[in-house]
């Protein structure tokens, strides 16, 4: 008796494909939920008191990174604790104020007045491409699809066995 007939092979293929699709949907769900994170550079910058004097002397302002890495939304929060107003990407931040800035350019450099040289690097964190969900789907879904397919084929074969007559 052959284990895989044409019908059983098609059924196993469909179960395998179904397992891949379910695994891919789970992977896409997690891909959509998880935010990219950047631990070394915050989305918030606090301009310390005396920053304007340091910049006038050509010195680096402590606590101000050389590159801002924004989250997916691209929002950067600036708190100005200096005694003079500062600008970031055309937005005015008055002394003692906090502002949220959405730079138009998503990668490269943006103009600012609290960094030596008048510009600060800006990179927008992006979620990886959706194609990264295919590997977990294959690793998770295909084996489960095959296992369920084999179980379904065996269960069908067991149901097709002729019943033995019971003694009367």
C-alpha atoms as a PDB file:
ATOM      1  CA  UNK A   1       0.000   0.000   0.000  1.00  0.00           C
ATOM      2  CA  UNK A   2       1.453   3.371  -1.039  1.00  0.00           C
ATOM      3  CA  UNK A   3       1.663   5.933   1.691  1.00  0.00           C
ATOM      4  CA  UNK A   4       1.188   9.055  -0.455  1.00  0.00           C
ATOM      5  CA  UNK A   5      -1.323   8.845  -3.239  1.00  0.00           C
ATOM      6  CA  UNK A   6      -1.995  11.844  -5.462  1.00  0.00           C
ATOM      7  CA  UNK A   7      -4.764  13.002  -3.147  1.00  0.00           C
ATOM      8  CA  UNK A   8      -2.655  12.567  -0.009  1.00  0.00           C
ATOM      9  CA  UNK A   9       0.286  14.417  -1.585  1.00  0.00           C
ATOM     10  CA  UNK A  10      -1.980  17.334  -2.499  1.00  0.00           C
ATOM     11  CA  UNK A  11      -3.428  17.332   1.005  1.00  0.00           C
ATOM     12  CA  UNK A  12       0.063  17.340   2.565  1.00  0.00           C
ATOM     13  CA  UNK A  13       1.123  20.173   0.253  1.00  0.00           C
ATOM     14  CA  UNK A  14      -1.951  22.204   1.231  1.00  0.00           C
ATOM     15  CA  UNK A  15      -1.298  21.628   4.940  1.00  0.00           C
ATOM     16  CA  UNK A  16       2.336  22.677   4.487  1.00  0.00           C
ATOM     17  CA  UNK A  17       1.293  25.803   2.595  1.00  0.00           C
ATOM     18  CA  UNK A  18      -1.358  26.537   5.235  1.00  0.00           C
ATOM     19  CA  UNK A  19       1.235  26.180   8.002  1.00  0.00           C
ATOM     20  CA  UNK A  20       3.517  28.610   6.183  1.00  0.00           C
ATOM     21  CA  UNK A  21       0.678  31.131   5.763  1.00  0.00           C
ATOM     22  CA  UNK A  22      -0.309  30.915   9.454  1.00  0.00           C
ATOM     23  CA  UNK A  23       3.360  31.245  10.490  1.00  0.00           C
ATOM     24  CA  UNK A  24       3.741  34.241   8.170  1.00  0.00           C
ATOM     25  CA  UNK A  25       0.626  35.928   9.592  1.00  0.00           C
ATOM     26  CA  UNK A  26       1.997  35.518  13.126  1.00  0.00           C
ATOM     27  CA  UNK A  27       5.357  36.934  11.967  1.00  0.00           C
ATOM     28  CA  UNK A  28       3.670  39.907  10.279  1.00  0.00           C
ATOM     29  CA  UNK A  29       1.664  40.569  13.432  1.00  0.00           C
ATOM     30  CA  UNK A  30       4.865  40.795  15.498  1.00  0.00           C
ATOM     31  CA  UNK A  31       6.618  42.781  12.769  1.00  0.00           C
ATOM     32  CA  UNK A  32       3.807  45.363  12.836  1.00  0.00           C
ATOM     33  CA  UNK A  33       3.701  45.523  16.643  1.00  0.00           C
ATOM     34  CA  UNK A  34       7.352  45.942  17.467  1.00  0.00           C
ATOM     35  CA  UNK A  35       8.867  49.406  17.266  1.00  0.00           C
ATOM     36  CA  UNK A  36      12.475  49.877  16.300  1.00  0.00           C
ATOM     37  CA  UNK A  37      14.465  51.094  19.292  1.00  0.00           C
ATOM     38  CA  UNK A  38      17.713  52.931  19.586  1.00  0.00           C
ATOM     39  CA  UNK A  39      19.282  52.788  23.018  1.00  0.00           C
ATOM     40  CA  UNK A  40      22.386  54.906  22.436  1.00  0.00           C
ATOM     41  CA  UNK A  41      20.747  58.074  21.076  1.00  0.00           C
ATOM     42  CA  UNK A  42      17.560  59.483  22.614  1.00  0.00           C
ATOM     43  CA  UNK A  43      14.627  61.050  20.785  1.00  0.00           C
ATOM     44  CA  UNK A  44      14.781  63.838  23.352  1.00  0.00           C
ATOM     45  CA  UNK A  45      17.515  66.439  23.644  1.00  0.00           C
ATOM     46  CA  UNK A  46      17.946  68.752  26.621  1.00  0.00           C
ATOM     47  CA  UNK A  47      19.983  71.858  25.823  1.00  0.00           C
ATOM     48  CA  UNK A  48      21.871  72.619  29.046  1.00  0.00           C
ATOM     49  CA  UNK A  49      22.351  76.084  30.529  1.00  0.00           C
ATOM     50  CA  UNK A  50      25.375  77.840  29.057  1.00  0.00           C
ATOM     51  CA  UNK A  51      25.208  76.001  25.733  1.00  0.00           C
ATOM     52  CA  UNK A  52      25.330  79.240  23.736  1.00  0.00           C
ATOM     53  CA  UNK A  53      28.606  80.278  25.430  1.00  0.00           C
ATOM     54  CA  UNK A  54      30.192  76.893  24.675  1.00  0.00           C
ATOM     55  CA  UNK A  55      29.117  77.094  21.032  1.00  0.00           C
ATOM     56  CA  UNK A  56      30.507  80.657  20.764  1.00  0.00           C
ATOM     57  CA  UNK A  57      33.845  79.292  22.020  1.00  0.00           C
ATOM     58  CA  UNK A  58      33.691  76.474  19.441  1.00  0.00           C
ATOM     59  CA  UNK A  59      33.335  73.797  22.092  1.00  0.00           C
ATOM     60  CA  UNK A  60      31.014  70.830  22.079  1.00  0.00           C
ATOM     61  CA  UNK A  61      27.900  71.036  24.272  1.00  0.00           C
ATOM     62  CA  UNK A  62      27.835  68.137  26.764  1.00  0.00           C
ATOM     63  CA  UNK A  63      24.771  65.934  26.555  1.00  0.00           C
ATOM     64  CA  UNK A  64      23.962  66.885  22.964  1.00  0.00           C
ATOM     65  CA  UNK A  65      24.583  63.936  20.610  1.00  0.00           C
ATOM     66  CA  UNK A  66      26.152  64.364  17.179  1.00  0.00           C
ATOM     67  CA  UNK A  67      23.365  62.304  15.568  1.00  0.00           C
ATOM     68  CA  UNK A  68      19.702  62.208  16.509  1.00  0.00           C
ATOM     69  CA  UNK A  69      17.926  58.949  15.801  1.00  0.00           C
ATOM     70  CA  UNK A  70      14.205  59.536  15.717  1.00  0.00           C
ATOM     71  CA  UNK A  71      11.616  56.834  16.189  1.00  0.00           C
ATOM     72  CA  UNK A  72       9.275  55.771  13.410  1.00  0.00           C
ATOM     73  CA  UNK A  73       7.272  58.977  13.789  1.00  0.00           C
ATOM     74  CA  UNK A  74      10.367  61.131  13.307  1.00  0.00           C
ATOM     75  CA  UNK A  75       9.533  63.319  16.301  1.00  0.00           C
ATOM     76  CA  UNK A  76      12.362  64.883  18.278  1.00  0.00           C
ATOM     77  CA  UNK A  77      11.568  66.602  21.580  1.00  0.00           C
ATOM     78  CA  UNK A  78      13.833  69.529  22.466  1.00  0.00           C
ATOM     79  CA  UNK A  79      13.940  71.120  25.927  1.00  0.00           C
ATOM     80  CA  UNK A  80      15.828  74.415  26.001  1.00  0.00           C
ATOM     81  CA  UNK A  81      17.339  75.103  29.423  1.00  0.00           C
ATOM     82  CA  UNK A  82      19.714  77.709  27.950  1.00  0.00           C
ATOM     83  CA  UNK A  83      19.224  81.462  28.407  1.00  0.00           C
ATOM     84  CA  UNK A  84      18.907  82.110  24.641  1.00  0.00           C
ATOM     85  CA  UNK A  85      16.538  80.746  22.016  1.00  0.00           C
ATOM     86  CA  UNK A  86      17.661  77.924  19.754  1.00  0.00           C
ATOM     87  CA  UNK A  87      16.524  76.528  16.418  1.00  0.00           C
ATOM     88  CA  UNK A  88      16.201  72.985  15.114  1.00  0.00           C
ATOM     89  CA  UNK A  89      15.034  72.361  11.561  1.00  0.00           C
ATOM     90  CA  UNK A  90      13.499  75.821  11.419  1.00  0.00           C
ATOM     91  CA  UNK A  91      11.586  75.461  14.692  1.00  0.00           C
ATOM     92  CA  UNK A  92      12.181  78.107  17.354  1.00  0.00           C
ATOM     93  CA  UNK A  93      12.653  76.828  20.898  1.00  0.00           C
ATOM     94  CA  UNK A  94      12.520  79.661  23.430  1.00  0.00           C
ATOM     95  CA  UNK A  95      14.431  79.549  26.750  1.00  0.00           C
ATOM     96  CA  UNK A  96      12.700  77.235  29.228  1.00  0.00           C
ATOM     97  CA  UNK A  97      10.379  75.835  26.559  1.00  0.00           C
ATOM     98  CA  UNK A  98       9.931  72.337  25.200  1.00  0.00           C
ATOM     99  CA  UNK A  99       9.016  71.715  21.576  1.00  0.00           C
ATOM    100  CA  UNK A 100       8.405  68.709  19.378  1.00  0.00           C
ATOM    101  CA  UNK A 101      10.059  68.987  15.995  1.00  0.00           C
ATOM    102  CA  UNK A 102       9.335  66.877  12.903  1.00  0.00           C
ATOM    103  CA  UNK A 103      12.284  67.367  10.538  1.00  0.00           C
ATOM    104  CA  UNK A 104      11.267  67.233   6.870  1.00  0.00           C
ATOM    105  CA  UNK A 105      14.487  65.489   5.842  1.00  0.00           C
ATOM    106  CA  UNK A 106      14.461  61.947   7.195  1.00  0.00           C
ATOM    107  CA  UNK A 107      18.175  61.203   6.773  1.00  0.00           C
ATOM    108  CA  UNK A 108      21.220  63.440   6.644  1.00  0.00           C
ATOM    109  CA  UNK A 109      21.843  66.689   8.479  1.00  0.00           C
ATOM    110  CA  UNK A 110      19.457  69.305   9.777  1.00  0.00           C
ATOM    111  CA  UNK A 111      20.184  72.875  10.799  1.00  0.00           C
ATOM    112  CA  UNK A 112      20.432  73.675  14.491  1.00  0.00           C
ATOM    113  CA  UNK A 113      21.923  76.365  16.716  1.00  0.00           C
ATOM    114  CA  UNK A 114      22.955  74.155  19.651  1.00  0.00           C
ATOM    115  CA  UNK A 115      25.646  72.171  17.871  1.00  0.00           C
ATOM    116  CA  UNK A 116      29.073  73.358  16.776  1.00  0.00           C
ATOM    117  CA  UNK A 117      28.996  73.801  12.992  1.00  0.00           C
ATOM    118  CA  UNK A 118      25.290  74.639  12.925  1.00  0.00           C
ATOM    119  CA  UNK A 119      24.098  71.189  11.839  1.00  0.00           C
ATOM    120  CA  UNK A 120      23.275  67.926  13.564  1.00  0.00           C
ATOM    121  CA  UNK A 121      22.964  64.488  11.995  1.00  0.00           C
ATOM    122  CA  UNK A 122      19.509  62.955  11.806  1.00  0.00           C
ATOM    123  CA  UNK A 123      18.483  59.390  11.064  1.00  0.00           C
ATOM    124  CA  UNK A 124      15.001  57.974  11.205  1.00  0.00           C
ATOM    125  CA  UNK A 125      14.791  54.456  12.640  1.00  0.00           C
ATOM    126  CA  UNK A 126      12.928  52.244  10.264  1.00  0.00           C
ATOM    127  CA  UNK A 127      11.301  48.918  10.724  1.00  0.00           C
ATOM    128  CA  UNK A 128      13.107  46.192   8.773  1.00  0.00           C
ATOM    129  CA  UNK A 129      11.523  45.172   5.462  1.00  0.00           C
ATOM    130  CA  UNK A 130       8.556  42.823   5.607  1.00  0.00           C
ATOM    131  CA  UNK A 131      10.609  40.143   3.849  1.00  0.00           C
ATOM    132  CA  UNK A 132      12.287  39.333   7.193  1.00  0.00           C
ATOM    133  CA  UNK A 133       9.019  37.661   8.199  1.00  0.00           C
ATOM    134  CA  UNK A 134       9.449  34.852   5.649  1.00  0.00           C
ATOM    135  CA  UNK A 135      12.235  33.016   7.502  1.00  0.00           C
ATOM    136  CA  UNK A 136      10.341  32.682  10.822  1.00  0.00           C
ATOM    137  CA  UNK A 137       7.235  31.672   8.865  1.00  0.00           C
ATOM    138  CA  UNK A 138       9.163  28.905   7.111  1.00  0.00           C
ATOM    139  CA  UNK A 139      10.932  27.773  10.289  1.00  0.00           C
ATOM    140  CA  UNK A 140       7.745  27.740  12.353  1.00  0.00           C
ATOM    141  CA  UNK A 141       4.884  27.172   9.940  1.00  0.00           C
ATOM    142  CA  UNK A 142       6.233  24.561   7.530  1.00  0.00           C
ATOM    143  CA  UNK A 143       7.104  21.896  10.161  1.00  0.00           C
ATOM    144  CA  UNK A 144       3.762  22.405  11.899  1.00  0.00           C
ATOM    145  CA  UNK A 145       1.937  22.242   8.560  1.00  0.00           C
ATOM    146  CA  UNK A 146       3.700  18.996   7.666  1.00  0.00           C
ATOM    147  CA  UNK A 147       2.958  17.502  11.110  1.00  0.00           C
ATOM    148  CA  UNK A 148      -0.723  18.429  10.927  1.00  0.00           C
ATOM    149  CA  UNK A 149      -0.894  17.216   7.325  1.00  0.00           C
ATOM    150  CA  UNK A 150       0.579  13.826   8.202  1.00  0.00           C
ATOM    151  CA  UNK A 151      -1.792  13.561  11.185  1.00  0.00           C
ATOM    152  CA  UNK A 152      -4.780  14.387   8.952  1.00  0.00           C
ATOM    153  CA  UNK A 153      -3.707  11.804   6.343  1.00  0.00           C
ATOM    154  CA  UNK A 154      -3.211   9.101   8.999  1.00  0.00           C
ATOM    155  CA  UNK A 155      -6.547   9.936  10.629  1.00  0.00           C
ATOM    156  CA  UNK A 156      -8.298   9.713   7.265  1.00  0.00           C
ATOM    157  CA  UNK A 157      -6.623   6.360   6.525  1.00  0.00           C
ATOM    158  CA  UNK A 158      -7.671   5.017   9.911  1.00  0.00           C
ATOM    159  CA  UNK A 159     -11.248   6.128   9.262  1.00  0.00           C
ATOM    160  CA  UNK A 160     -11.215   4.364   5.848  1.00  0.00           C
ATOM    161  CA  UNK A 161     -10.258   0.946   7.300  1.00  0.00           C
ATOM    162  CA  UNK A 162     -13.102  -1.548   7.054  1.00  0.00           C
ATOM    163  CA  UNK A 163     -14.583  -2.322  10.434  1.00  0.00           C
ATOM    164  CA  UNK A 164     -14.156  -5.850  11.703  1.00  0.00           C
ATOM    165  CA  UNK A 165     -17.402  -7.683  12.300  1.00  0.00           C
ATOM    166  CA  UNK A 166     -18.214  -7.837  15.963  1.00  0.00           C
ATOM    167  CA  UNK A 167     -18.992 -11.212  17.478  1.00  0.00           C
ATOM    168  CA  UNK A 168     -22.687 -11.637  18.042  1.00  0.00           C
END
